[in-house]
N, C-alpha and C. Protein backbone atom coordinates (compact mmCIF):
# COMPACT_ATOMS: atom_id res chain seq x y z
N MET A 1 28.04 11.85 -28.92
CA MET A 1 28.38 11.82 -30.48
C MET A 1 29.59 11.72 -29.06
N ASN A 2 31.18 11.70 -30.16
CA ASN A 2 32.06 11.21 -29.60
C ASN A 2 33.32 13.45 -30.10
N LYS A 3 34.05 13.22 -29.45
CA LYS A 3 35.01 15.02 -28.91
C LYS A 3 35.09 15.60 -29.93
N THR A 4 35.36 14.52 -31.77
CA THR A 4 35.81 15.17 -32.80
C THR A 4 34.22 15.55 -32.71
N GLY A 5 33.88 14.71 -32.77
CA GLY A 5 32.26 14.87 -33.65
C GLY A 5 31.44 15.90 -32.98
N TRP A 6 31.61 15.58 -32.36
CA TRP A 6 30.99 17.41 -30.89
C TRP A 6 32.96 19.13 -31.41
N ILE A 7 33.34 18.64 -31.99
CA ILE A 7 34.13 19.63 -32.11
C ILE A 7 33.85 20.29 -33.87
N ILE A 8 33.47 19.63 -34.95
CA ILE A 8 33.58 19.34 -36.11
C ILE A 8 31.72 20.39 -35.72
N PHE A 9 30.69 19.36 -35.41
CA PHE A 9 29.59 20.04 -35.29
C PHE A 9 29.75 21.69 -34.76
N SER A 10 30.07 21.73 -33.30
CA SER A 10 30.27 23.24 -33.05
C SER A 10 30.99 24.00 -33.58
N ALA A 11 31.85 23.84 -34.02
CA ALA A 11 32.34 24.67 -34.75
C ALA A 11 31.28 25.16 -35.82
N VAL A 12 30.43 24.54 -36.10
CA VAL A 12 29.83 25.66 -37.63
C VAL A 12 28.08 24.78 -37.74
N VAL A 13 27.48 25.02 -36.01
CA VAL A 13 26.60 25.23 -35.92
C VAL A 13 25.82 26.47 -35.95
N VAL A 14 24.50 26.97 -36.84
CA VAL A 14 24.32 28.32 -36.94
C VAL A 14 22.89 28.30 -36.30
N LEU A 15 23.09 29.20 -35.21
CA LEU A 15 22.23 29.68 -34.49
C LEU A 15 20.95 29.39 -34.79
N ILE A 16 19.78 29.81 -34.60
CA ILE A 16 18.11 29.96 -34.36
C ILE A 16 17.77 31.37 -35.32
N PHE A 17 18.51 32.30 -35.08
CA PHE A 17 18.26 33.21 -35.16
C PHE A 17 18.28 33.69 -37.23
N GLY A 18 19.79 32.72 -37.49
CA GLY A 18 20.20 33.39 -38.94
C GLY A 18 19.12 32.35 -39.26
N GLY A 19 18.71 31.19 -38.71
CA GLY A 19 18.14 30.69 -40.07
C GLY A 19 16.69 31.50 -39.98
N LEU A 20 16.09 31.84 -38.99
CA LEU A 20 15.08 32.74 -38.79
C LEU A 20 15.04 33.79 -40.10
N ILE A 21 16.36 34.62 -39.53
CA ILE A 21 16.54 35.92 -41.01
C ILE A 21 16.65 35.23 -42.20
N ALA A 22 17.14 34.22 -42.98
CA ALA A 22 16.64 33.76 -44.12
C ALA A 22 14.88 33.06 -44.17
N LEU A 23 14.93 32.95 -43.23
CA LEU A 23 13.28 32.49 -43.47
C LEU A 23 12.06 33.88 -43.43
N ASN A 24 12.42 34.71 -42.61
CA ASN A 24 12.07 35.98 -42.77
C ASN A 24 11.78 36.39 -44.18
N ARG A 25 13.06 36.90 -44.72
CA ARG A 25 14.05 37.42 -46.21
C ARG A 25 12.74 36.73 -47.35
N ALA A 26 12.81 35.19 -47.46
CA ALA A 26 11.97 34.61 -48.22
C ALA A 26 10.59 34.50 -47.62
N ASN A 27 10.25 34.64 -46.44
CA ASN A 27 8.78 34.53 -47.05
C ASN A 27 8.07 36.08 -47.06
N GLN A 28 9.08 36.89 -46.93
CA GLN A 28 9.06 38.82 -47.86
C GLN A 28 7.93 38.96 -49.20
N ALA A 29 8.54 37.70 -49.90
CA ALA A 29 8.67 37.75 -51.28
C ALA A 29 6.94 36.90 -51.44
N ASN A 30 6.88 37.23 -52.71
CA ASN A 30 5.52 36.91 -53.46
C ASN A 30 5.16 35.75 -54.00
N LEU A 31 5.43 34.96 -52.63
CA LEU A 31 5.99 33.38 -54.22
C LEU A 31 4.34 32.98 -53.58
N PRO A 32 4.51 31.36 -55.05
CA PRO A 32 3.13 30.88 -54.62
C PRO A 32 2.97 29.33 -53.75
N GLN A 33 2.05 29.07 -52.95
CA GLN A 33 1.51 28.20 -51.80
C GLN A 33 2.93 27.06 -52.44
N SER A 34 3.65 26.37 -51.82
CA SER A 34 4.26 24.79 -51.68
C SER A 34 4.59 23.81 -50.31
N ASN A 35 4.34 22.94 -51.16
CA ASN A 35 5.16 22.11 -49.68
C ASN A 35 6.21 21.87 -49.73
N GLY A 36 6.59 22.26 -50.60
CA GLY A 36 8.28 22.15 -50.08
C GLY A 36 9.55 20.92 -50.79
N SER A 37 10.83 20.15 -50.77
CA SER A 37 11.09 19.59 -52.27
C SER A 37 10.54 18.03 -51.37
N ASN A 38 11.03 17.88 -53.15
CA ASN A 38 10.21 16.11 -52.58
C ASN A 38 11.73 15.51 -52.99
N ASN A 39 12.64 15.24 -52.19
CA ASN A 39 14.37 14.53 -52.95
C ASN A 39 14.49 13.27 -52.01
N VAL A 40 13.51 11.81 -52.29
CA VAL A 40 13.98 10.95 -51.73
C VAL A 40 14.30 9.56 -52.38
N TYR A 41 15.25 9.43 -51.88
CA TYR A 41 15.96 7.76 -51.78
C TYR A 41 16.01 6.38 -51.27
N GLY A 42 15.58 5.20 -51.93
CA GLY A 42 15.82 4.61 -51.51
C GLY A 42 14.44 3.49 -51.58
N ASN A 43 13.89 3.32 -50.16
CA ASN A 43 12.22 2.61 -50.12
C ASN A 43 11.25 3.60 -49.40
N VAL A 44 10.68 3.96 -51.02
CA VAL A 44 9.65 4.90 -50.72
C VAL A 44 8.32 4.75 -49.65
N ASP A 45 8.41 3.04 -49.49
CA ASP A 45 7.75 2.80 -49.08
C ASP A 45 7.66 2.47 -47.59
N SER A 46 8.81 2.58 -47.14
CA SER A 46 9.68 2.51 -45.26
C SER A 46 8.80 3.32 -44.94
N LYS A 47 8.22 2.05 -43.26
CA LYS A 47 7.99 2.78 -42.69
C LYS A 47 9.04 3.38 -42.11
N VAL A 48 10.01 4.03 -42.13
CA VAL A 48 11.12 4.54 -41.12
C VAL A 48 11.76 5.29 -42.27
N THR A 49 11.70 6.59 -42.07
CA THR A 49 12.10 8.02 -43.03
C THR A 49 13.20 8.55 -41.96
N LEU A 50 14.86 9.10 -43.00
CA LEU A 50 15.59 9.69 -42.35
C LEU A 50 15.49 11.10 -43.41
N THR A 51 14.97 12.11 -42.52
CA THR A 51 15.64 13.52 -43.38
C THR A 51 16.80 14.45 -43.38
N GLU A 52 17.42 14.92 -44.02
CA GLU A 52 18.29 15.72 -43.56
C GLU A 52 18.24 16.88 -43.96
N PHE A 53 17.95 18.12 -43.64
CA PHE A 53 18.24 19.25 -43.63
C PHE A 53 19.45 19.86 -44.12
N VAL A 54 19.72 20.85 -45.48
CA VAL A 54 21.24 20.48 -45.75
C VAL A 54 21.17 22.50 -46.49
N ASP A 55 22.71 22.70 -45.96
CA ASP A 55 23.30 23.68 -46.31
C ASP A 55 24.03 23.64 -47.32
N PHE A 56 24.56 23.70 -48.39
CA PHE A 56 25.42 22.99 -49.14
C PHE A 56 26.73 23.91 -48.88
N GLN A 57 26.60 25.08 -48.55
CA GLN A 57 27.96 25.62 -47.83
C GLN A 57 28.69 25.32 -46.46
N CYS A 58 27.63 24.76 -46.22
CA CYS A 58 28.11 24.36 -44.20
C CYS A 58 28.95 23.43 -43.82
N GLU A 59 30.28 23.81 -43.23
CA GLU A 59 31.29 22.75 -43.31
C GLU A 59 30.49 21.27 -43.03
N ALA A 60 29.97 21.88 -42.05
CA ALA A 60 29.41 20.76 -41.12
C ALA A 60 29.14 19.45 -42.11
N CYS A 61 27.37 19.96 -43.22
CA CYS A 61 26.98 19.60 -43.88
C CYS A 61 28.76 18.82 -44.76
N TYR A 62 29.27 19.01 -45.00
CA TYR A 62 30.68 18.88 -46.13
C TYR A 62 30.93 17.95 -45.47
N ALA A 63 31.28 17.47 -44.27
CA ALA A 63 32.05 16.56 -43.50
C ALA A 63 30.62 14.86 -43.23
N TYR A 64 29.29 15.65 -42.91
CA TYR A 64 28.40 14.44 -43.01
C TYR A 64 28.03 13.99 -43.61
N TYR A 65 28.77 14.39 -44.82
CA TYR A 65 27.99 13.86 -46.59
C TYR A 65 28.95 12.50 -46.84
N PRO A 66 29.69 11.97 -46.59
CA PRO A 66 30.20 11.05 -47.20
C PRO A 66 29.84 9.61 -46.25
N THR A 67 29.63 10.54 -44.80
CA THR A 67 28.64 9.86 -43.88
C THR A 67 27.81 9.42 -44.11
N VAL A 68 26.76 10.16 -44.56
CA VAL A 68 25.33 9.55 -44.83
C VAL A 68 25.71 9.65 -46.36
N LYS A 69 25.75 9.23 -47.70
CA LYS A 69 26.27 8.51 -48.43
C LYS A 69 25.98 7.32 -48.27
N GLU A 70 26.92 6.57 -46.80
CA GLU A 70 27.30 5.07 -46.98
C GLU A 70 25.98 4.44 -46.65
N VAL A 71 25.45 5.57 -45.49
CA VAL A 71 24.71 5.18 -44.95
C VAL A 71 23.00 4.69 -45.85
N LYS A 72 23.17 5.78 -47.09
CA LYS A 72 21.96 5.70 -47.75
C LYS A 72 22.20 4.75 -48.51
N GLU A 73 23.65 4.13 -49.35
CA GLU A 73 23.65 2.71 -49.82
C GLU A 73 23.65 1.76 -49.01
N LYS A 74 23.61 1.11 -47.79
CA LYS A 74 23.53 0.43 -46.81
C LYS A 74 22.84 0.54 -47.07
N TYR A 75 21.24 1.58 -46.69
CA TYR A 75 19.54 0.83 -46.37
C TYR A 75 18.75 1.20 -47.30
N LYS A 76 19.27 1.21 -48.24
CA LYS A 76 18.26 1.85 -49.67
C LYS A 76 17.60 0.90 -49.40
N ASP A 77 17.18 -0.05 -49.57
CA ASP A 77 16.19 -1.51 -49.42
C ASP A 77 15.45 -0.91 -48.19
N THR A 78 15.81 -0.64 -47.95
CA THR A 78 14.95 -0.84 -46.02
C THR A 78 13.99 0.49 -45.61
N VAL A 79 15.33 1.66 -46.34
CA VAL A 79 14.50 2.90 -45.13
C VAL A 79 14.15 4.31 -46.40
N LYS A 80 13.51 4.59 -46.07
CA LYS A 80 13.73 6.04 -46.79
C LYS A 80 14.05 6.89 -46.67
N PHE A 81 14.78 7.51 -47.79
CA PHE A 81 16.04 8.79 -47.46
C PHE A 81 15.50 9.96 -47.40
N GLN A 82 15.70 11.55 -47.24
CA GLN A 82 15.38 12.68 -48.06
C GLN A 82 15.97 14.00 -47.49
N VAL A 83 16.12 14.97 -48.61
CA VAL A 83 16.81 15.66 -48.00
C VAL A 83 16.32 16.84 -48.47
N ARG A 84 16.32 18.27 -47.91
CA ARG A 84 15.94 19.34 -47.79
C ARG A 84 16.27 20.58 -47.56
N HIS A 85 16.23 21.41 -47.84
CA HIS A 85 17.13 22.57 -47.95
C HIS A 85 16.84 23.90 -46.41
N PHE A 86 17.52 24.22 -46.37
CA PHE A 86 18.10 24.87 -44.87
C PHE A 86 19.09 26.02 -45.41
N PRO A 87 19.63 26.33 -46.28
CA PRO A 87 20.35 27.46 -46.06
C PRO A 87 20.41 28.84 -45.93
N ILE A 88 21.64 28.92 -44.97
CA ILE A 88 21.87 30.21 -44.11
C ILE A 88 22.34 31.56 -44.88
N SER A 89 21.65 32.01 -45.38
CA SER A 89 22.29 33.18 -46.93
C SER A 89 23.02 34.12 -45.84
N ASN A 90 22.12 34.49 -44.50
CA ASN A 90 23.82 34.76 -43.89
C ASN A 90 24.56 35.28 -43.71
N SER A 91 25.04 33.55 -43.31
CA SER A 91 26.59 33.24 -43.59
C SER A 91 26.41 32.60 -44.89
N HIS A 92 26.43 31.57 -45.19
CA HIS A 92 26.97 31.15 -46.72
C HIS A 92 26.46 31.36 -47.85
N LYS A 93 26.95 32.56 -48.35
CA LYS A 93 26.49 33.85 -49.09
C LYS A 93 25.96 33.05 -50.49
N PHE A 94 26.64 31.76 -50.19
CA PHE A 94 26.14 30.85 -52.11
C PHE A 94 24.90 30.28 -51.42
N ALA A 95 24.90 29.58 -50.30
CA ALA A 95 24.28 28.50 -50.38
C ALA A 95 22.77 28.36 -51.08
N ARG A 96 22.11 29.69 -50.90
CA ARG A 96 20.24 29.52 -51.43
C ARG A 96 21.00 29.45 -53.14
N ILE A 97 21.87 30.10 -53.87
CA ILE A 97 22.11 29.34 -55.07
C ILE A 97 22.33 28.22 -55.27
N ALA A 98 23.07 27.25 -54.48
CA ALA A 98 23.76 26.21 -55.00
C ALA A 98 21.73 24.85 -54.44
N ALA A 99 21.58 25.98 -54.06
CA ALA A 99 19.75 24.88 -53.08
C ALA A 99 18.78 25.01 -54.86
N SER A 100 19.18 26.46 -55.30
CA SER A 100 18.09 26.27 -56.46
C SER A 100 19.10 25.48 -57.85
N TYR A 101 20.18 25.86 -57.49
CA TYR A 101 20.67 24.32 -58.68
C TYR A 101 19.81 22.83 -58.51
N ALA A 102 20.52 22.86 -56.95
CA ALA A 102 20.22 20.94 -57.02
C ALA A 102 18.06 20.84 -57.25
N GLU A 103 17.84 21.82 -56.91
CA GLU A 103 16.31 21.77 -57.17
C GLU A 103 16.17 22.25 -58.61
N GLY A 104 17.02 22.94 -59.61
CA GLY A 104 16.75 22.51 -60.23
C GLY A 104 16.95 22.06 -61.12
N ALA A 105 18.59 21.22 -60.57
CA ALA A 105 18.11 19.62 -61.44
C ALA A 105 16.67 18.49 -61.09
N ALA A 106 16.36 18.41 -59.88
CA ALA A 106 15.33 17.85 -59.65
C ALA A 106 14.21 18.09 -60.43
N LYS A 107 13.90 18.72 -61.16
CA LYS A 107 12.94 19.37 -61.91
C LYS A 107 13.62 18.43 -63.12
N GLN A 108 14.86 18.01 -63.41
CA GLN A 108 15.11 16.76 -64.56
C GLN A 108 14.96 15.41 -64.43
N GLY A 109 15.17 15.38 -62.66
CA GLY A 109 15.24 13.68 -62.43
C GLY A 109 16.98 13.91 -61.71
N LYS A 110 17.51 14.53 -61.37
CA LYS A 110 18.58 14.78 -61.41
C LYS A 110 19.82 15.54 -59.98
N PHE A 111 18.20 15.39 -59.04
CA PHE A 111 18.94 15.79 -57.44
C PHE A 111 19.64 15.32 -56.96
N TRP A 112 19.97 14.43 -56.60
CA TRP A 112 21.16 13.05 -56.57
C TRP A 112 22.36 13.95 -56.99
N GLU A 113 22.21 13.64 -58.18
CA GLU A 113 23.86 13.45 -59.08
C GLU A 113 24.44 15.06 -58.71
N MET A 114 23.39 15.91 -59.06
CA MET A 114 23.41 17.20 -59.29
C MET A 114 24.10 17.81 -57.09
N HIS A 115 23.13 17.03 -56.23
CA HIS A 115 23.79 16.67 -54.79
C HIS A 115 24.80 16.61 -54.68
N ASP A 116 25.05 15.72 -55.48
CA ASP A 116 26.34 15.57 -54.68
C ASP A 116 27.78 16.49 -55.52
N LEU A 117 27.31 16.50 -56.60
CA LEU A 117 28.76 17.29 -57.10
C LEU A 117 28.76 18.65 -56.53
N ILE A 118 27.71 19.23 -55.92
CA ILE A 118 27.68 20.33 -55.38
C ILE A 118 28.58 19.80 -53.59
N PHE A 119 28.62 18.72 -53.52
CA PHE A 119 29.24 19.12 -52.16
C PHE A 119 30.11 18.55 -52.47
N GLU A 120 30.57 17.50 -53.43
CA GLU A 120 32.12 16.86 -53.49
C GLU A 120 33.14 18.41 -53.80
N GLY A 121 32.54 19.81 -54.56
CA GLY A 121 33.02 20.23 -55.33
C GLY A 121 32.99 21.90 -53.89
N GLN A 122 32.86 21.45 -53.08
CA GLN A 122 32.21 22.47 -52.51
C GLN A 122 33.52 23.52 -52.10
N LYS A 123 34.86 22.89 -52.04
CA LYS A 123 35.86 23.59 -51.10
C LYS A 123 36.45 24.46 -52.37
N GLN A 124 35.92 24.59 -54.05
CA GLN A 124 36.24 25.56 -54.94
C GLN A 124 35.66 26.26 -55.08
N TRP A 125 33.46 25.89 -55.60
CA TRP A 125 33.00 26.78 -55.24
C TRP A 125 33.03 27.90 -54.33
N GLU A 126 33.21 27.79 -52.91
CA GLU A 126 32.72 28.47 -52.17
C GLU A 126 33.79 30.10 -51.55
N VAL A 127 34.69 29.41 -52.29
CA VAL A 127 35.42 30.56 -52.88
C VAL A 127 35.89 30.79 -54.02
N ALA A 128 35.09 31.15 -55.19
CA ALA A 128 34.73 31.88 -56.41
C ALA A 128 34.04 33.04 -56.15
N THR A 129 34.73 33.95 -57.11
CA THR A 129 33.96 35.41 -56.37
C THR A 129 32.32 35.50 -57.11
N ASP A 130 32.00 33.84 -58.51
CA ASP A 130 30.98 33.84 -58.54
C ASP A 130 30.87 32.27 -58.86
N PRO A 131 30.23 31.53 -58.53
CA PRO A 131 30.38 29.65 -58.57
C PRO A 131 29.35 30.11 -59.72
N THR A 132 29.11 30.97 -60.34
CA THR A 132 27.37 30.17 -61.34
C THR A 132 28.31 29.45 -62.59
N SER A 133 29.47 29.25 -62.58
CA SER A 133 30.07 28.42 -63.91
C SER A 133 30.32 27.66 -63.17
N ILE A 134 30.85 26.99 -62.04
CA ILE A 134 30.98 25.19 -61.61
C ILE A 134 30.03 25.73 -61.63
N PHE A 135 28.38 25.57 -61.01
CA PHE A 135 27.14 25.12 -61.17
C PHE A 135 26.55 24.13 -62.48
N ASN A 136 27.39 25.37 -63.21
CA ASN A 136 26.59 25.15 -64.70
C ASN A 136 27.29 24.21 -65.83
N GLY A 137 28.92 24.47 -65.36
CA GLY A 137 29.75 23.27 -65.14
C GLY A 137 29.15 21.34 -65.02
N TYR A 138 28.60 21.57 -63.20
CA TYR A 138 28.00 20.24 -62.86
C TYR A 138 26.92 19.75 -63.99
N ALA A 139 26.35 20.81 -64.38
CA ALA A 139 24.99 20.05 -64.94
C ALA A 139 25.17 20.24 -65.88
N GLU A 140 25.91 20.35 -66.75
CA GLU A 140 26.10 20.08 -68.32
C GLU A 140 27.01 18.85 -68.04
N ASP A 141 27.67 18.50 -66.91
CA ASP A 141 28.77 17.47 -66.50
C ASP A 141 27.24 15.91 -66.21
N ILE A 142 26.35 16.06 -66.18
CA ILE A 142 24.93 15.26 -65.93
C ILE A 142 24.28 15.49 -67.02
N GLY A 143 24.25 16.26 -68.23
CA GLY A 143 23.15 16.33 -69.61
C GLY A 143 22.19 17.06 -68.72
N LEU A 144 21.85 18.19 -67.72
CA LEU A 144 20.77 19.03 -67.66
C LEU A 144 21.24 20.09 -70.04
N ASP A 145 18.97 19.94 -69.39
CA ASP A 145 18.69 20.40 -70.49
C ASP A 145 19.29 22.00 -69.54
N MET A 146 20.37 22.52 -69.96
CA MET A 146 20.37 24.42 -69.77
C MET A 146 19.88 25.08 -69.67
N SER A 147 18.72 25.18 -70.96
CA SER A 147 17.88 26.87 -70.76
C SER A 147 16.87 26.54 -69.72
N LYS A 148 16.09 25.25 -70.25
CA LYS A 148 15.09 24.47 -68.91
C LYS A 148 15.81 24.65 -67.27
N LEU A 149 16.86 24.18 -67.08
CA LEU A 149 17.49 24.56 -65.62
C LEU A 149 17.46 26.23 -64.79
N GLU A 150 18.22 26.75 -65.93
CA GLU A 150 17.91 27.80 -65.83
C GLU A 150 16.44 28.57 -65.50
N THR A 151 15.37 28.09 -66.40
CA THR A 151 14.35 28.87 -65.86
C THR A 151 13.75 28.35 -65.27
N ASP A 152 13.98 27.45 -64.20
CA ASP A 152 14.04 26.47 -63.58
C ASP A 152 14.46 26.51 -62.20
N ARG A 153 15.60 27.35 -61.89
CA ARG A 153 16.33 27.36 -60.82
C ARG A 153 15.51 29.34 -60.49
N THR A 154 15.39 29.39 -61.31
CA THR A 154 15.48 31.10 -60.74
C THR A 154 13.40 31.52 -60.88
N SER A 155 12.47 30.30 -60.70
CA SER A 155 11.35 30.80 -61.21
C SER A 155 11.11 30.80 -59.50
N ASP A 156 9.94 31.28 -59.70
CA ASP A 156 9.30 31.22 -57.77
C ASP A 156 8.91 30.14 -57.81
N GLU A 157 8.30 28.55 -58.23
CA GLU A 157 8.09 27.64 -57.73
C GLU A 157 9.14 27.10 -57.41
N VAL A 158 10.61 26.91 -57.65
CA VAL A 158 11.68 26.57 -56.96
C VAL A 158 11.43 27.76 -55.41
N LYS A 159 12.01 29.07 -56.06
CA LYS A 159 11.77 30.08 -54.68
C LYS A 159 11.27 29.27 -53.71
N ALA A 160 10.09 28.94 -53.86
CA ALA A 160 8.67 28.71 -53.39
C ALA A 160 9.28 27.43 -52.39
N ILE A 161 9.85 26.26 -52.86
CA ILE A 161 9.77 24.92 -52.53
C ILE A 161 11.56 25.16 -51.52
N ILE A 162 11.89 26.26 -51.43
CA ILE A 162 13.36 26.56 -50.79
C ILE A 162 12.29 26.93 -49.37
N ALA A 163 11.85 27.87 -49.25
CA ALA A 163 11.29 28.83 -48.59
C ALA A 163 10.18 27.96 -47.64
N ALA A 164 9.58 26.89 -48.56
CA ALA A 164 8.62 25.89 -47.35
C ALA A 164 9.53 24.98 -46.65
N ASP A 165 10.86 24.23 -47.11
CA ASP A 165 11.71 23.10 -46.87
C ASP A 165 12.29 24.52 -45.40
N LEU A 166 12.68 25.93 -45.32
CA LEU A 166 13.30 26.39 -44.45
C LEU A 166 12.01 26.51 -43.30
N LYS A 167 10.58 27.33 -43.56
CA LYS A 167 10.01 26.78 -42.36
C LYS A 167 9.55 26.06 -41.36
N ALA A 168 9.76 24.31 -42.46
CA ALA A 168 9.72 23.68 -41.73
C ALA A 168 10.54 23.07 -40.62
N VAL A 169 11.59 23.26 -41.35
CA VAL A 169 13.34 23.16 -40.12
C VAL A 169 13.00 23.97 -39.30
N GLN A 170 12.20 25.40 -39.15
CA GLN A 170 12.71 26.21 -38.07
C GLN A 170 11.19 25.56 -37.13
N GLU A 171 10.46 25.03 -38.10
CA GLU A 171 8.50 24.47 -36.95
C GLU A 171 9.47 22.88 -36.39
N LEU A 172 10.61 22.60 -36.45
CA LEU A 172 10.48 21.45 -36.70
C LEU A 172 12.48 22.23 -35.00
N GLY A 173 12.80 23.28 -35.09
CA GLY A 173 13.42 24.15 -33.98
C GLY A 173 14.78 23.83 -34.22
N GLY A 174 15.21 23.09 -36.00
CA GLY A 174 16.00 22.76 -36.18
C GLY A 174 17.10 24.73 -35.75
N ASN A 175 18.39 24.79 -35.57
CA ASN A 175 19.24 26.09 -35.42
C ASN A 175 20.31 25.67 -35.75
N GLY A 176 20.98 24.55 -36.61
CA GLY A 176 22.01 24.09 -37.26
C GLY A 176 22.11 23.56 -38.30
N THR A 177 23.12 23.38 -38.81
CA THR A 177 22.65 22.41 -40.97
C THR A 177 24.39 21.64 -40.22
N PRO A 178 24.18 20.51 -40.51
CA PRO A 178 22.97 19.19 -40.79
C PRO A 178 22.00 19.11 -39.59
N THR A 179 20.47 19.57 -39.63
CA THR A 179 19.69 19.23 -39.70
C THR A 179 19.03 17.33 -39.31
N PHE A 180 18.96 16.38 -38.25
CA PHE A 180 18.33 15.03 -39.15
C PHE A 180 16.82 15.19 -38.06
N VAL A 181 16.48 14.44 -39.10
CA VAL A 181 15.01 13.84 -38.74
C VAL A 181 14.40 13.13 -39.06
N LEU A 182 14.25 12.28 -37.72
CA LEU A 182 13.85 10.56 -37.95
C LEU A 182 12.84 10.37 -37.66
N ASN A 183 12.05 10.05 -38.77
CA ASN A 183 10.31 10.19 -38.59
C ASN A 183 9.28 11.02 -37.84
N GLY A 184 9.38 12.13 -38.75
CA GLY A 184 9.13 13.42 -38.14
C GLY A 184 9.72 14.53 -36.95
N LYS A 185 10.51 13.52 -36.27
CA LYS A 185 11.22 13.80 -34.52
C LYS A 185 12.59 14.17 -35.01
N ARG A 186 12.81 15.36 -34.74
CA ARG A 186 14.60 15.86 -34.98
C ARG A 186 14.87 15.83 -33.84
N ILE A 187 16.47 14.75 -34.63
CA ILE A 187 17.65 13.93 -33.74
C ILE A 187 18.53 15.67 -32.98
N GLU A 188 17.60 15.45 -31.90
CA GLU A 188 19.12 16.42 -30.87
C GLU A 188 20.43 16.09 -31.32
N ARG A 189 20.82 14.73 -30.67
CA ARG A 189 22.66 15.06 -31.00
C ARG A 189 22.96 13.96 -32.04
N VAL A 190 23.48 13.57 -33.15
CA VAL A 190 23.93 13.11 -34.29
C VAL A 190 25.04 12.72 -34.46
N ASP A 191 26.40 11.64 -33.98
CA ASP A 191 27.59 11.62 -33.79
C ASP A 191 27.81 11.60 -35.90
N ASN A 192 28.76 11.90 -36.03
CA ASN A 192 29.41 11.48 -37.62
C ASN A 192 29.62 10.46 -37.83
N SER A 193 29.22 9.47 -37.30
CA SER A 193 29.91 7.91 -37.79
C SER A 193 29.01 7.09 -38.59
N VAL A 194 29.25 6.05 -39.74
CA VAL A 194 27.90 5.28 -39.80
C VAL A 194 27.67 4.64 -38.60
N GLU A 195 28.18 3.72 -37.84
CA GLU A 195 27.98 3.27 -36.66
C GLU A 195 26.70 4.07 -35.81
N ALA A 196 27.62 5.37 -35.61
CA ALA A 196 26.08 6.20 -34.61
C ALA A 196 25.12 6.61 -35.95
N LEU A 197 24.80 7.05 -37.48
CA LEU A 197 23.76 7.03 -37.78
C LEU A 197 22.59 5.22 -37.67
N SER A 198 24.03 4.38 -38.38
CA SER A 198 23.02 3.19 -38.40
C SER A 198 22.89 2.20 -37.24
N LYS A 199 22.99 2.98 -35.88
CA LYS A 199 22.52 2.62 -34.74
C LYS A 199 20.92 2.83 -34.79
N LEU A 200 20.75 4.37 -34.63
CA LEU A 200 19.30 5.03 -35.40
C LEU A 200 18.76 5.07 -35.95
N ILE A 201 19.56 4.64 -37.41
CA ILE A 201 17.75 3.79 -38.27
C ILE A 201 17.56 2.32 -37.40
N ASP A 202 18.82 1.08 -37.15
CA ASP A 202 18.49 0.28 -36.75
C ASP A 202 17.66 0.43 -35.62
N ASP A 203 17.63 0.67 -35.03
CA ASP A 203 16.46 0.93 -33.68
C ASP A 203 15.00 1.50 -34.21
N ALA A 204 14.90 2.16 -35.30
CA ALA A 204 13.62 2.81 -35.42
C ALA A 204 12.66 1.68 -36.23
N LEU A 205 14.29 1.11 -37.10
CA LEU A 205 13.69 -0.30 -37.94
C LEU A 205 12.80 -1.43 -36.97
N ASN A 206 13.35 -1.21 -35.76
CA ASN A 206 13.29 -2.42 -35.08
C ASN A 206 11.22 -1.64 -34.85
N GLU A 207 11.56 -0.25 -34.25
CA GLU A 207 10.12 -0.18 -33.06
C GLU A 207 9.33 -0.64 -34.25
N ALA A 208 9.65 0.21 -35.45
CA ALA A 208 8.56 -0.37 -36.78
C ALA A 208 7.92 -1.51 -37.04
N GLY A 209 8.87 -2.12 -36.70
CA GLY A 209 8.38 -4.03 -36.18
C GLY A 209 9.21 -4.57 -37.66
N SER A 210 9.86 -3.81 -38.44
CA SER A 210 9.79 -4.34 -40.36
C SER A 210 11.10 -5.38 -40.14
N GLY A 211 12.05 -4.89 -38.92
CA GLY A 211 13.26 -6.42 -38.80
C GLY A 211 14.14 -6.04 -39.71
N ASP A 212 14.36 -4.53 -40.55
CA ASP A 212 15.18 -5.11 -41.82
C ASP A 212 16.72 -4.07 -41.54
N THR A 213 17.24 -4.98 -39.96
CA THR A 213 18.20 -3.58 -39.40
C THR A 213 19.51 -4.28 -40.46
N GLN A 214 20.50 -4.03 -40.64
CA GLN A 214 21.59 -4.18 -41.27
C GLN A 214 23.05 -4.35 -40.08
N ASN A 215 22.96 -5.57 -39.90
CA ASN A 215 24.57 -5.26 -38.79
C ASN A 215 25.95 -6.48 -39.45
């Protein structure tokens, strides 16, 4: 990672202790069993899967967002991309509600639309007294059924999905956001650049024998 990338990343890395607090609190609830979220993009049959665990209120996730979005479009025909939830609630007070809106939107097939609007509006809603009206505005903009959204996003099922994602990232050793996982293995360091992410993906495609690199 270059110096600028490390400064951005290091400034907002959240210690695993914070993640464990959020995880333990989530597990205290009597929630149904869940395998976690399933928000994927690109070639779902690819031998290469890049997963990003995000906190929608995280500054580093916000910084990585345009890079990851460009890489997703670049490799959408050859790579499976996935976003899972890693809200650090004790540091980012609106992270969990943002995740619930994204997952509620997923119930109506609009996860990625909500995902993009939440990240693009981060600097607005993170300073609001209550971001609910802003998130509801995003939902209306993408044509969601508002009654269903409210029911889904506050449901035990969605709470269980988020808790399962938190458990998954803890088991992978994720200690900050974003946490990137390539084919089930956590990546220690990821430079915030299209070139760096592309190289990781190209190497994985070569290893998988697909030959579908994008140079």
